[in-house]
Amino acid sequence: MIGNYCRQYRLINGYKLKDLTVKVKALSAFENGRSTNMEHLALYIKLSHKLDDTYYFMKGLTLEVLNNGE
C-alpha cells in the first residue's frame, strides 16, 4: 500500500502529519488506505527532497508498488 509506505517514511524521519499539511484528516486517510488521492504523494516527495533523500524514497516507493501490485 502506497499510503502505508509514505506513513512509515514520515515516521522514520520523525515527522508528524501536521508537519506536512494542515489537512491532517485527509492525509491520515491516505496513509491508512481510506483515500486514493495520489495528490498527497507530492507531500512525501517534497519531504524526501527536503531531506535530500529523493532517490531512496522513490526507489522504495517503486519497490512497494512492484511487490504489492498497486
N, C-alpha and C. Protein backbone atom coordinates (compact mmCIF):
# COMPACT_ATOMS: atom_id res chain seq x y z
N MET A 1 0.84 -1.17 0.00
CA MET A 1 0.00 0.00 0.00
C MET A 1 0.90 1.25 0.00
N ILE A 2 0.67 2.13 -0.92
CA ILE A 2 1.47 3.34 -1.08
C ILE A 2 1.35 4.25 0.14
N GLY A 3 0.14 4.41 0.63
CA GLY A 3 -0.08 5.27 1.79
C GLY A 3 0.68 4.79 3.01
N ASN A 4 0.69 3.48 3.23
CA ASN A 4 1.41 2.92 4.37
C ASN A 4 2.91 3.14 4.22
N TYR A 5 3.43 2.98 3.01
CA TYR A 5 4.85 3.24 2.76
C TYR A 5 5.18 4.69 3.10
N CYS A 6 4.32 5.60 2.68
CA CYS A 6 4.54 7.01 2.96
C CYS A 6 4.49 7.29 4.47
N ARG A 7 3.56 6.64 5.14
CA ARG A 7 3.45 6.80 6.59
C ARG A 7 4.73 6.34 7.28
N GLN A 8 5.21 5.17 6.90
CA GLN A 8 6.44 4.65 7.50
C GLN A 8 7.62 5.58 7.23
N TYR A 9 7.70 6.12 6.02
CA TYR A 9 8.78 7.04 5.67
C TYR A 9 8.71 8.29 6.56
N ARG A 10 7.51 8.82 6.73
CA ARG A 10 7.33 10.01 7.57
C ARG A 10 7.74 9.73 9.00
N LEU A 11 7.29 8.61 9.55
CA LEU A 11 7.59 8.28 10.93
C LEU A 11 9.08 8.01 11.16
N ILE A 12 9.71 7.29 10.26
CA ILE A 12 11.14 7.01 10.36
C ILE A 12 11.95 8.29 10.41
N ASN A 13 11.47 9.30 9.71
CA ASN A 13 12.18 10.58 9.67
C ASN A 13 11.72 11.57 10.73
N GLY A 14 10.84 11.12 11.62
CA GLY A 14 10.45 11.93 12.76
C GLY A 14 9.50 13.07 12.48
N TYR A 15 8.66 12.94 11.47
CA TYR A 15 7.70 13.99 11.13
C TYR A 15 6.29 13.58 11.56
N LYS A 16 5.52 14.57 11.97
CA LYS A 16 4.11 14.36 12.31
C LYS A 16 3.27 14.77 11.11
N LEU A 17 2.03 14.30 11.07
CA LEU A 17 1.12 14.69 9.98
C LEU A 17 1.03 16.20 9.85
N LYS A 18 0.91 16.87 10.98
CA LYS A 18 0.75 18.33 10.93
C LYS A 18 2.01 19.04 10.44
N ASP A 19 3.15 18.33 10.41
CA ASP A 19 4.37 18.92 9.84
C ASP A 19 4.30 18.99 8.32
N LEU A 20 3.43 18.15 7.73
CA LEU A 20 3.33 18.08 6.27
C LEU A 20 2.17 18.89 5.70
N THR A 21 1.10 19.03 6.48
CA THR A 21 -0.10 19.68 5.94
C THR A 21 -1.01 20.16 7.04
N VAL A 22 -1.92 21.06 6.69
CA VAL A 22 -2.97 21.46 7.63
C VAL A 22 -4.18 20.55 7.47
N LYS A 23 -4.21 19.79 6.38
CA LYS A 23 -5.31 18.85 6.11
C LYS A 23 -4.96 17.47 6.69
N VAL A 24 -4.83 17.43 8.01
CA VAL A 24 -4.38 16.23 8.69
C VAL A 24 -5.32 15.05 8.45
N LYS A 25 -6.62 15.28 8.50
CA LYS A 25 -7.59 14.17 8.31
C LYS A 25 -7.46 13.54 6.93
N ALA A 26 -7.30 14.36 5.92
CA ALA A 26 -7.19 13.85 4.55
C ALA A 26 -5.90 13.05 4.38
N LEU A 27 -4.82 13.54 4.94
CA LEU A 27 -3.54 12.85 4.82
C LEU A 27 -3.55 11.55 5.63
N SER A 28 -4.18 11.58 6.77
CA SER A 28 -4.32 10.37 7.58
C SER A 28 -5.11 9.30 6.82
N ALA A 29 -6.16 9.71 6.15
CA ALA A 29 -6.96 8.78 5.35
C ALA A 29 -6.10 8.16 4.24
N PHE A 30 -5.25 8.95 3.61
CA PHE A 30 -4.37 8.44 2.56
C PHE A 30 -3.40 7.41 3.14
N GLU A 31 -2.79 7.72 4.27
CA GLU A 31 -1.82 6.82 4.88
C GLU A 31 -2.45 5.51 5.33
N ASN A 32 -3.71 5.56 5.70
CA ASN A 32 -4.39 4.37 6.22
C ASN A 32 -5.25 3.65 5.19
N GLY A 33 -5.08 4.00 3.91
CA GLY A 33 -5.76 3.29 2.84
C GLY A 33 -7.22 3.65 2.63
N ARG A 34 -7.67 4.73 3.23
CA ARG A 34 -9.07 5.15 3.06
C ARG A 34 -9.22 6.23 2.00
N SER A 35 -8.11 6.63 1.39
CA SER A 35 -8.14 7.62 0.32
C SER A 35 -7.13 7.19 -0.73
N THR A 36 -7.52 7.33 -1.99
CA THR A 36 -6.61 7.00 -3.09
C THR A 36 -6.16 8.26 -3.83
N ASN A 37 -6.30 9.40 -3.18
CA ASN A 37 -5.92 10.67 -3.79
C ASN A 37 -4.39 10.76 -3.89
N MET A 38 -3.87 10.51 -5.07
CA MET A 38 -2.42 10.50 -5.28
C MET A 38 -1.79 11.89 -5.20
N GLU A 39 -2.60 12.92 -5.11
CA GLU A 39 -2.04 14.27 -4.94
C GLU A 39 -1.30 14.37 -3.60
N HIS A 40 -1.68 13.54 -2.63
CA HIS A 40 -1.00 13.53 -1.34
C HIS A 40 0.44 13.06 -1.47
N LEU A 41 0.71 12.24 -2.45
CA LEU A 41 2.05 11.72 -2.66
C LEU A 41 3.07 12.84 -2.84
N ALA A 42 2.65 13.94 -3.41
CA ALA A 42 3.55 15.09 -3.62
C ALA A 42 4.14 15.60 -2.31
N LEU A 43 3.39 15.53 -1.22
CA LEU A 43 3.90 15.98 0.08
C LEU A 43 5.09 15.13 0.52
N TYR A 44 5.03 13.85 0.27
CA TYR A 44 6.10 12.95 0.66
C TYR A 44 7.32 13.09 -0.25
N ILE A 45 7.06 13.35 -1.52
CA ILE A 45 8.17 13.60 -2.45
C ILE A 45 8.89 14.88 -2.05
N LYS A 46 8.13 15.91 -1.69
CA LYS A 46 8.73 17.16 -1.23
C LYS A 46 9.51 16.95 0.06
N LEU A 47 8.98 16.11 0.97
CA LEU A 47 9.70 15.81 2.20
C LEU A 47 11.01 15.10 1.89
N SER A 48 10.98 14.14 0.99
CA SER A 48 12.21 13.42 0.64
C SER A 48 13.22 14.37 0.00
N HIS A 49 12.75 15.32 -0.76
CA HIS A 49 13.65 16.32 -1.36
C HIS A 49 14.26 17.19 -0.26
N LYS A 50 13.44 17.60 0.69
CA LYS A 50 13.91 18.41 1.82
C LYS A 50 14.98 17.67 2.61
N LEU A 51 14.82 16.35 2.73
CA LEU A 51 15.76 15.52 3.47
C LEU A 51 16.94 15.04 2.61
N ASP A 52 16.97 15.49 1.36
CA ASP A 52 17.99 15.07 0.40
C ASP A 52 18.01 13.54 0.28
N ASP A 53 16.83 12.97 0.16
CA ASP A 53 16.66 11.53 0.17
C ASP A 53 15.72 11.06 -0.95
N THR A 54 15.56 11.86 -1.98
CA THR A 54 14.58 11.58 -3.02
C THR A 54 14.84 10.26 -3.73
N TYR A 55 16.10 9.99 -4.03
CA TYR A 55 16.43 8.74 -4.73
C TYR A 55 15.94 7.53 -3.94
N TYR A 56 16.26 7.48 -2.67
CA TYR A 56 15.89 6.32 -1.85
C TYR A 56 14.39 6.24 -1.59
N PHE A 57 13.75 7.41 -1.44
CA PHE A 57 12.29 7.41 -1.27
C PHE A 57 11.63 6.84 -2.52
N MET A 58 12.04 7.32 -3.69
CA MET A 58 11.43 6.87 -4.93
C MET A 58 11.75 5.40 -5.23
N LYS A 59 12.95 4.96 -4.90
CA LYS A 59 13.30 3.56 -5.07
C LYS A 59 12.41 2.68 -4.19
N GLY A 60 12.24 3.08 -2.93
CA GLY A 60 11.37 2.33 -2.02
C GLY A 60 9.92 2.34 -2.48
N LEU A 61 9.47 3.47 -2.98
CA LEU A 61 8.11 3.58 -3.49
C LEU A 61 7.90 2.64 -4.68
N THR A 62 8.86 2.62 -5.57
CA THR A 62 8.79 1.74 -6.74
C THR A 62 8.72 0.28 -6.31
N LEU A 63 9.56 -0.10 -5.37
CA LEU A 63 9.55 -1.49 -4.88
C LEU A 63 8.23 -1.82 -4.20
N GLU A 64 7.67 -0.87 -3.47
CA GLU A 64 6.38 -1.07 -2.82
C GLU A 64 5.29 -1.36 -3.86
N VAL A 65 5.28 -0.61 -4.91
CA VAL A 65 4.28 -0.80 -5.97
C VAL A 65 4.49 -2.15 -6.66
N LEU A 66 5.73 -2.47 -6.99
CA LEU A 66 6.01 -3.73 -7.68
C LEU A 66 5.69 -4.94 -6.80
N ASN A 67 5.98 -4.86 -5.53
CA ASN A 67 5.76 -6.00 -4.64
C ASN A 67 4.31 -6.17 -4.21
N ASN A 68 3.53 -5.11 -4.26
CA ASN A 68 2.15 -5.19 -3.79
C ASN A 68 1.12 -5.01 -4.89
N GLY A 69 1.56 -4.87 -6.11
CA GLY A 69 0.64 -4.84 -7.25
C GLY A 69 -0.27 -3.63 -7.33
N GLU A 70 0.11 -2.55 -6.66
CA GLU A 70 -0.72 -1.33 -6.74
C GLU A 70 -0.32 -0.49 -7.92
